[in-house]
Protein backbone atom coordinates (compact mmCIF):
# COMPACT_ATOMS: atom_id res chain seq x y z
CA MET A 1 34.48 35.76 15.01
CA SER A 2 33.00 37.90 12.25
CA GLU A 3 34.98 38.90 9.20
CA PRO A 4 36.40 42.45 9.40
CA SER A 5 35.08 45.05 7.05
CA THR A 6 38.53 45.90 5.72
CA GLN A 7 40.91 43.16 4.61
CA ARG A 8 44.38 43.53 3.26
CA SER A 9 46.24 41.53 0.65
CA PRO A 10 49.19 39.44 1.89
CA SER A 11 51.73 41.86 0.41
CA ASP A 12 50.16 44.85 2.18
CA ALA A 13 49.15 43.20 5.46
CA GLY A 14 50.64 44.13 8.78
CA ALA A 15 49.20 47.57 9.44
CA GLY A 16 49.57 48.72 13.00
CA THR A 17 53.31 48.15 12.88
CA THR A 18 56.11 50.42 11.77
CA GLU A 19 57.45 48.59 8.79
CA PRO A 20 61.23 48.85 8.52
CA PRO A 21 63.02 48.64 5.18
CA LEU A 22 63.19 44.93 4.50
CA ASP A 23 66.07 43.14 2.86
CA PRO A 24 65.21 40.42 0.33
CA GLU A 25 65.41 37.58 2.87
CA ALA A 26 63.12 39.33 5.35
CA ARG A 27 60.64 40.33 2.67
CA ALA A 28 60.52 36.78 1.29
CA LEU A 29 59.83 35.38 4.77
CA ARG A 30 57.18 38.05 5.40
CA LEU A 31 55.35 37.07 2.23
CA ARG A 32 55.65 33.37 3.09
CA VAL A 33 54.15 33.95 6.54
CA LEU A 34 51.26 36.02 5.18
CA ALA A 35 50.51 33.62 2.34
CA SER A 36 50.45 30.73 4.81
CA LEU A 37 48.01 32.57 7.09
CA ASP A 38 45.79 33.34 4.10
CA ARG A 39 45.72 29.68 2.98
CA GLN A 40 44.75 28.53 6.47
CA GLY A 41 41.76 30.83 6.66
CA PHE A 42 43.07 33.90 8.49
CA VAL A 43 43.00 37.53 7.49
CA VAL A 44 45.19 40.31 8.90
CA ARG A 45 43.18 43.30 10.11
CA ASP A 46 44.28 46.87 9.57
CA ASP A 47 45.63 47.00 13.13
CA GLY A 48 47.91 44.04 12.44
CA THR A 49 45.90 41.44 14.37
CA LEU A 50 44.39 38.21 13.06
CA ALA A 51 40.79 37.30 12.37
CA ILE A 52 39.24 34.03 11.20
CA THR A 53 37.52 34.46 7.85
CA ALA A 54 34.65 32.07 8.63
CA GLU A 55 32.30 31.47 11.55
CA THR A 56 34.18 29.66 14.30
CA THR A 57 32.83 26.10 14.46
CA LYS A 58 34.48 22.75 15.09
CA GLN A 59 34.69 22.26 11.33
CA THR A 60 36.34 25.66 10.92
CA ILE A 61 38.89 24.88 13.65
CA ARG A 62 39.75 21.56 12.00
CA ALA A 63 40.25 23.41 8.70
CA LEU A 64 42.54 25.97 10.36
CA HIS A 65 44.74 23.11 11.58
CA ARG A 66 44.74 21.20 8.29
CA GLU A 67 48.09 22.50 7.02
CA ALA A 68 49.80 22.02 10.39
CA ARG A 69 48.48 18.45 10.59
CA ALA A 70 49.69 17.66 7.07
CA ALA A 71 53.10 19.07 7.96
CA ALA A 72 53.26 16.89 11.08
CA ILE A 73 52.45 13.78 9.04
CA ALA A 74 55.13 14.71 6.51
CA ARG A 75 57.73 15.20 9.25
CA ALA A 76 56.88 11.80 10.75
CA ARG A 77 57.12 9.90 7.48
CA PRO A 78 60.89 9.12 7.51
CA ALA A 79 60.67 7.54 10.96
CA LEU A 80 57.27 5.83 10.81
CA ALA A 81 56.24 5.03 7.23
CA ARG A 82 58.26 1.82 7.03
CA HIS A 83 56.57 0.58 10.22
CA GLU A 84 53.04 1.36 9.08
CA PRO A 85 52.01 -2.22 8.14
CA TRP A 86 52.58 -3.60 11.64
CA LEU A 87 51.35 -0.41 13.30
CA LEU A 88 48.02 -0.80 11.52
CA ARG A 89 47.76 -4.32 12.89
CA SER A 90 47.60 -2.76 16.37
CA PHE A 91 44.15 -1.33 15.58
CA ALA A 92 41.06 -3.51 15.86
CA ALA A 93 38.56 -4.09 13.12
CA GLY A 94 35.03 -3.32 14.25
CA SER A 95 34.07 -6.95 13.83
CA GLU A 96 36.70 -7.97 16.43
CA VAL A 97 35.31 -5.83 19.24
CA GLU A 98 32.86 -7.36 21.70
CA PRO A 99 31.69 -4.64 24.10
CA GLU A 100 30.68 -7.16 26.78
CA ARG A 101 34.24 -8.51 26.84
CA VAL A 102 36.25 -5.28 26.62
CA GLN A 103 38.92 -5.14 29.34
CA PRO A 104 41.28 -2.13 29.30
CA VAL A 105 44.93 -2.42 30.27
CA LEU A 106 47.25 0.55 30.86
CA GLN A 107 50.69 0.35 29.24
CA GLU A 108 53.28 3.00 30.10
CA VAL A 109 55.30 4.10 27.09
CA ARG A 110 59.10 3.95 27.35
CA SER A 111 61.47 5.90 25.12
CA GLY A 112 62.83 3.85 22.23
CA SER A 113 60.17 1.14 22.53
CA ALA A 114 57.72 -0.26 20.00
CA GLU A 115 54.97 1.30 22.13
CA GLU A 116 56.52 4.71 21.54
CA LEU A 117 56.28 4.20 17.77
CA LEU A 118 52.62 3.25 18.16
CA PHE A 119 51.96 6.28 20.38
CA ARG A 120 53.55 8.61 17.82
CA TYR A 121 51.67 7.00 14.94
CA ALA A 122 48.27 6.99 16.66
CA LYS A 123 48.38 10.67 17.60
CA LEU A 124 48.99 11.62 13.96
CA HIS A 125 45.34 10.72 13.38
CA TRP A 126 44.02 13.48 15.63
CA SER A 127 42.28 16.19 13.59
CA VAL A 128 44.31 18.81 15.44
CA PRO A 129 48.12 18.40 15.57
CA VAL A 130 49.32 17.11 18.92
CA SER A 131 52.26 18.49 20.89
CA ALA A 132 55.01 16.11 21.96
CA GLY A 133 54.74 17.49 25.50
CA TYR A 134 57.29 19.49 27.44
CA GLY A 135 59.72 18.75 30.27
CA ARG A 136 58.58 15.83 32.40
CA ARG A 137 56.46 13.38 30.43
CA LEU A 138 54.31 10.36 31.15
CA ARG A 139 52.75 8.58 28.18
CA PHE A 140 50.30 5.70 28.27
CA LEU A 141 48.60 3.44 25.77
CA VAL A 142 45.32 1.74 26.64
CA PHE A 143 44.86 -1.73 25.16
CA ASP A 144 41.83 -4.01 25.14
CA GLU A 145 43.03 -7.23 26.76
CA PHE A 146 40.35 -9.23 24.89
CA THR A 147 41.44 -8.20 21.37
CA GLY A 148 45.01 -7.21 22.18
CA LYS A 149 44.41 -4.03 20.18
CA LEU A 150 44.79 -0.34 20.94
CA MET A 151 41.87 1.49 22.53
CA GLY A 152 43.38 4.92 23.12
CA LEU A 153 46.21 6.94 24.59
CA PHE A 154 47.08 9.89 26.77
CA GLY A 155 50.18 11.93 27.47
CA LEU A 156 51.01 14.13 30.44
CA GLY A 157 53.66 16.84 30.37
CA ASP A 158 54.79 19.87 32.31
CA PRO A 159 52.12 22.59 32.55
CA VAL A 160 52.62 26.16 31.40
CA PHE A 161 53.74 28.45 34.21
CA ALA A 162 50.83 30.88 33.95
CA LEU A 163 47.33 29.77 32.97
CA GLY A 164 44.73 32.25 34.18
CA PRO A 165 41.66 29.98 34.57
CA ARG A 166 43.67 27.26 36.35
CA ASP A 167 45.45 29.71 38.63
CA ALA A 168 42.18 31.43 39.56
CA TRP A 169 40.53 28.08 40.39
CA ILE A 170 43.42 27.11 42.66
CA GLY A 171 43.67 30.58 44.18
CA TRP A 172 47.40 30.81 43.55
CA ASP A 173 49.66 33.73 44.27
CA LYS A 174 53.01 33.84 42.49
CA ALA A 175 55.00 32.38 45.37
CA ALA A 176 52.69 29.38 45.87
CA ARG A 177 52.57 28.74 42.12
CA ARG A 178 56.35 28.78 41.87
CA GLU A 179 56.62 26.34 44.77
CA ARG A 180 53.75 23.97 43.93
CA LEU A 181 53.45 23.91 40.15
CA ARG A 182 55.51 20.72 40.05
CA HIS A 183 52.52 18.91 41.61
CA VAL A 184 50.52 19.61 38.43
CA MET A 185 50.69 17.91 35.03
CA ASP A 186 48.99 18.86 31.78
CA ALA A 187 47.40 16.38 29.38
CA PHE A 188 48.70 17.22 25.91
CA VAL A 189 46.84 14.39 24.17
CA VAL A 190 43.80 12.39 25.34
CA GLY A 191 41.46 10.18 23.41
CA ALA A 192 40.34 6.89 21.94
CA VAL A 193 41.07 5.46 18.52
CA PRO A 194 38.49 3.80 16.27
CA PRO A 195 36.52 1.62 16.57
CA TYR A 196 36.62 2.17 20.35
CA ALA A 197 36.07 5.91 19.87
CA ASP A 198 32.58 5.11 18.54
CA LEU A 199 31.89 3.39 21.86
CA LEU A 200 32.69 6.61 23.79
CA CYS A 201 35.99 5.21 25.01
CA GLY A 202 37.49 8.69 24.89
CA LYS A 203 35.67 9.18 28.19
CA LEU A 204 37.28 6.01 29.53
CA VAL A 205 40.76 7.23 28.59
CA ALA A 206 40.08 10.56 30.33
CA LEU A 207 38.94 8.72 33.46
CA LEU A 208 41.99 6.44 33.45
CA MET A 209 44.29 9.48 33.52
CA THR A 210 43.04 10.12 37.06
CA SER A 211 43.63 6.56 38.29
CA ALA A 212 45.78 5.55 41.23
CA GLU A 213 48.05 3.70 38.78
CA VAL A 214 48.93 6.92 36.98
CA ARG A 215 49.68 8.76 40.22
CA GLU A 216 51.89 5.85 41.27
CA ALA A 217 53.72 5.88 37.93
CA PHE A 218 54.33 9.60 38.36
CA ALA A 219 55.73 9.04 41.85
CA ARG A 220 58.00 6.22 40.66
CA ARG A 221 59.35 8.40 37.90
CA TYR A 222 59.79 11.71 39.71
CA ALA A 223 59.88 11.23 43.50
CA THR A 224 63.25 12.17 45.05
CA ARG A 225 64.35 13.95 41.89
CA THR A 226 65.87 17.35 42.40
CA SER A 227 64.38 20.24 40.48
CA TRP A 228 66.77 21.44 37.78
CA ILE A 229 65.94 25.08 38.42
CA SER A 230 65.16 25.24 42.15
CA THR A 231 67.57 22.39 43.13
CA ARG A 232 64.99 21.21 45.72
CA PRO A 233 64.03 17.50 45.99
CA PHE A 234 60.49 16.50 45.05
CA ASP A 235 58.13 14.22 46.99
CA GLY A 236 56.43 12.87 43.85
CA GLN A 237 52.85 13.80 44.77
CA LEU A 238 50.56 14.56 41.84
CA ALA A 239 47.63 16.75 42.90
CA LEU A 240 46.03 18.07 39.71
CA LEU A 241 45.71 17.42 35.99
CA THR A 242 44.84 20.13 33.51
CA THR A 243 43.84 19.93 29.89
CA THR A 244 42.29 22.07 27.18
CA SER A 245 39.74 21.11 24.57
CA ALA A 246 41.02 20.89 21.01
CA LEU A 247 37.87 22.20 19.31
CA GLY A 248 36.49 24.96 21.51
CA ARG A 249 33.85 23.70 23.92
CA SER A 250 34.42 20.07 24.87
CA SER A 251 31.95 17.20 24.83
CA LEU A 252 34.57 14.76 26.15
CA TYR A 253 35.12 16.24 29.63
CA ASN A 254 31.81 17.97 30.32
CA ARG A 255 29.58 15.89 32.59
CA LEU A 256 32.27 13.22 32.98
CA THR A 257 31.68 11.75 36.41
CA PHE A 258 32.76 8.93 38.69
CA GLY A 259 29.74 8.22 40.83
CA PRO A 260 28.53 11.57 42.18
CA ARG A 261 31.92 13.25 41.72
CA ARG A 262 32.53 15.37 38.63
CA VAL A 263 36.01 14.34 37.50
CA PHE A 264 36.81 17.29 35.22
CA GLN A 265 35.71 20.82 35.99
CA SER A 266 35.48 23.57 33.38
CA VAL A 267 37.26 26.68 34.71
CA GLY A 268 37.28 29.02 31.71
CA TYR A 269 38.86 29.54 28.31
CA THR A 270 42.33 30.28 27.00
CA SER A 271 43.08 33.67 25.43
CA GLY A 272 43.39 32.15 21.95
CA SER A 273 47.13 32.48 21.46
CA GLY A 274 49.77 30.04 20.33
CA GLU A 275 51.81 29.04 17.33
CA PHE A 276 49.97 26.21 15.55
CA HIS A 277 49.36 28.52 12.57
CA PHE A 278 53.15 28.73 12.08
CA ALA A 279 53.68 24.96 12.38
CA ASN A 280 53.12 24.04 8.74
CA GLY A 281 56.70 24.44 7.52
CA VAL A 282 56.88 28.20 8.06
CA TYR A 283 58.30 27.73 11.56
CA ARG A 284 61.50 26.18 10.22
CA ASP A 285 62.13 29.31 8.17
CA VAL A 286 61.28 31.56 11.12
CA LEU A 287 63.67 29.57 13.33
CA ARG A 288 66.48 29.86 10.78
CA PHE A 289 65.88 33.61 10.54
CA ALA A 290 65.88 33.95 14.35
CA ARG A 291 69.17 32.09 14.71
CA GLU A 292 70.81 34.54 12.37
CA ARG A 293 69.30 37.79 13.67
CA CYS A 294 67.90 37.43 17.21
CA ARG A 295 69.30 36.79 20.65
CA PRO A 296 67.46 34.15 22.73
CA ARG A 297 66.03 35.38 26.02
CA ALA A 298 66.17 32.44 28.43
CA LYS A 299 65.52 33.85 31.91
CA HIS A 300 67.65 31.37 33.82
CA ALA A 301 71.18 30.21 33.08
CA ARG A 302 70.17 26.61 33.84
CA TRP A 303 67.75 26.69 30.91
CA GLY A 304 70.64 27.04 28.51
CA ARG A 305 70.98 29.56 25.72
CA GLY A 306 67.97 28.69 23.62
CA TRP A 307 64.50 30.15 23.37
CA ARG A 308 62.04 29.47 26.19
CA SER A 309 59.25 28.65 23.73
CA ARG A 310 58.25 28.76 20.09
CA ARG A 311 55.85 31.58 20.88
CA GLU A 312 58.64 33.77 22.24
CA LEU A 313 60.78 33.11 19.17
CA ILE A 314 57.94 33.98 16.79
CA ARG A 315 57.14 37.18 18.69
CA ALA A 316 60.79 38.21 18.40
CA VAL A 317 60.89 37.66 14.63
CA LEU A 318 57.56 39.16 13.57
CA PRO A 319 58.56 42.85 14.07
CA LEU A 320 61.68 42.22 11.99
CA LEU A 321 59.31 41.29 9.16
CA GLY A 322 57.23 44.44 9.62
CA LEU A 323 54.45 42.39 11.27
CA SER A 324 52.74 42.72 14.61
CA ARG A 325 53.69 40.48 17.54
CA GLU A 326 49.93 40.10 18.02
CA LEU A 327 49.82 37.58 15.15
CA VAL A 328 50.38 34.90 17.80
CA TYR A 329 46.75 35.55 18.88
CA HIS A 330 44.89 33.26 16.50
CA GLY A 331 41.49 33.60 18.20
CA VAL A 332 40.87 29.86 18.72
CA ARG A 333 39.92 29.81 22.39
CA ARG A 334 40.07 26.45 24.15
CA GLU A 335 38.05 25.39 27.15
CA VAL A 336 40.27 24.77 30.19
CA PHE A 337 39.56 21.84 32.52
CA VAL A 338 41.04 20.79 35.84
CA ALA A 339 40.88 17.29 37.31
CA PRO A 340 41.69 17.31 41.04
CA LEU A 341 43.31 14.04 42.10
CA ALA A 342 42.71 14.63 45.81
CA GLU A 343 39.99 15.86 48.12
CA ASN A 344 42.13 18.84 49.12
CA ALA A 345 43.97 19.45 45.84
CA SER A 346 43.43 23.21 45.74
CA ALA A 347 44.29 23.76 49.43
CA PHE A 348 47.43 21.64 49.03
CA LEU A 349 48.50 23.58 45.93
CA ARG A 350 47.98 26.87 47.76
CA GLY A 351 50.27 25.59 50.52
CA GLU A 352 47.51 25.59 53.14
CA ASP A 353 47.54 21.79 53.61
CA ALA A 354 50.86 20.04 54.07
CA ARG A 355 49.46 16.56 53.38
CA LEU A 356 47.65 15.57 50.20
CA VAL A 357 44.53 13.37 50.58
CA PRO A 358 44.31 11.64 47.19
CA TYR A 359 41.36 9.84 45.68
CA GLU A 360 42.44 6.20 45.73
CA VAL A 361 40.52 4.93 42.71
CA PRO A 362 42.18 2.14 40.69
CA ALA A 363 41.74 1.76 36.96
CA ASP A 364 39.46 -1.29 37.24
CA GLU A 365 36.94 0.64 39.35
CA LEU A 366 36.94 3.52 36.88
CA PHE A 367 36.33 1.06 34.04
CA ALA A 368 33.52 -0.72 35.91
CA TRP A 369 31.73 2.64 36.25
CA PHE A 370 32.37 3.54 32.60
CA ARG A 371 31.20 0.13 31.39
CA ILE A 372 27.75 0.44 32.97
CA ARG A 373 27.35 4.19 32.50
CA TRP A 374 28.52 4.58 28.89
CA LEU A 375 30.01 1.56 27.11
CA LEU A 376 27.17 -0.96 27.15
CA PRO A 377 24.33 1.54 26.58
CA ARG A 378 26.22 2.99 23.61
CA ALA A 379 26.92 -0.46 22.13
CA ARG A 380 23.22 -1.35 22.31
CA ARG A 381 21.97 1.76 20.54
CA ASP A 382 24.75 2.40 17.98
CA GLN A 383 26.35 -0.37 15.90
CA ARG A 384 28.46 1.84 13.62
CA TYR A 385 31.69 0.71 15.29
CA ARG A 386 31.27 -2.72 13.66
CA SER A 387 32.00 -1.40 10.16
CA PHE A 388 35.43 0.08 10.96
CA ASP A 389 38.39 -1.12 8.85
CA PRO A 390 41.90 -0.30 10.20
CA GLU A 391 43.13 0.12 6.65
CA SER A 392 41.23 3.44 6.58
CA LEU A 393 43.88 4.82 8.96
CA ARG A 394 46.73 4.33 6.48
CA LEU A 395 48.71 7.57 6.08
CA TRP A 396 51.26 6.53 3.47
CA SER A 397 50.98 4.21 0.52
């Protein structure tokens, strides 16, 4: 996105809105929001919308997320810093890894377990802050049985209700989406950790998300449960995974195949909205302000009295600060991917097929394909993984 010809200073930004007289608390929060946006690399246009001040590249996107990532690490410190010595021992040194002997093992993460601490710690090392997921959640660690060390992780959570590229690919109308959305999960974090990341094991982790073992874990966890909102029981069938790239166009999912079948399909891009640019400490102040001055707008009594999402809360507060609601549009568009888990996933989700015909591919078959297609060729031509030292991952002294 190119830089606009007219920029405004933080104290004057927010044109395009009717600025009400602001009391000291509101004015202080307004200035804090605008100063934060400026530090991150955004500028407010004259019409009150956001622009990125530099050319949008992967490096730019990482820089935009830098403050939010630092804030996430700071928030995690009280719970995780004292465990860091043993957590670091869960990561392999490059010299320990023998590509010919790698053998991945899936480990489901349970709440309150040591694996949950490792999951939380590992995802702090992503260059873009990672959500904790929403609603239903399945989290997995992938270990190398040979070294006993962590290879990667993925987390699945409830999908957003409306996602244009996904809904167009399925061919959903509103009624079918309302009825069948529970057969979809969204991957909120996917990837490998070093040194396995240098061996393209991010692709392995993405493949393992689609395994029969993951579908079975989903069924064990959620089959026969009654929907909190609809009160209807659920059969536990998982038909589709969705995910979005963290840094614009993805190199992880594109051309990721299992035999002749393309596992992930690119279906478009997001609109570039969200709230990561308020997640660097500013959100706590916005939340406090909202609790004092705004009424939550949950659409269903069973959802409770809170806000449906952070985005909705931020959009409610911004006009009270003399700022446009459009500041939630940050302009970082993410590529949207779908991974059908059955031959007839889209027809099933539209309600045209009553019975799902899943791909029955176990994790060991997915790994055997990955091993020949990517792991061993990469290990032969690139030895950089051997120099990795887990100590380089230390977050706190």
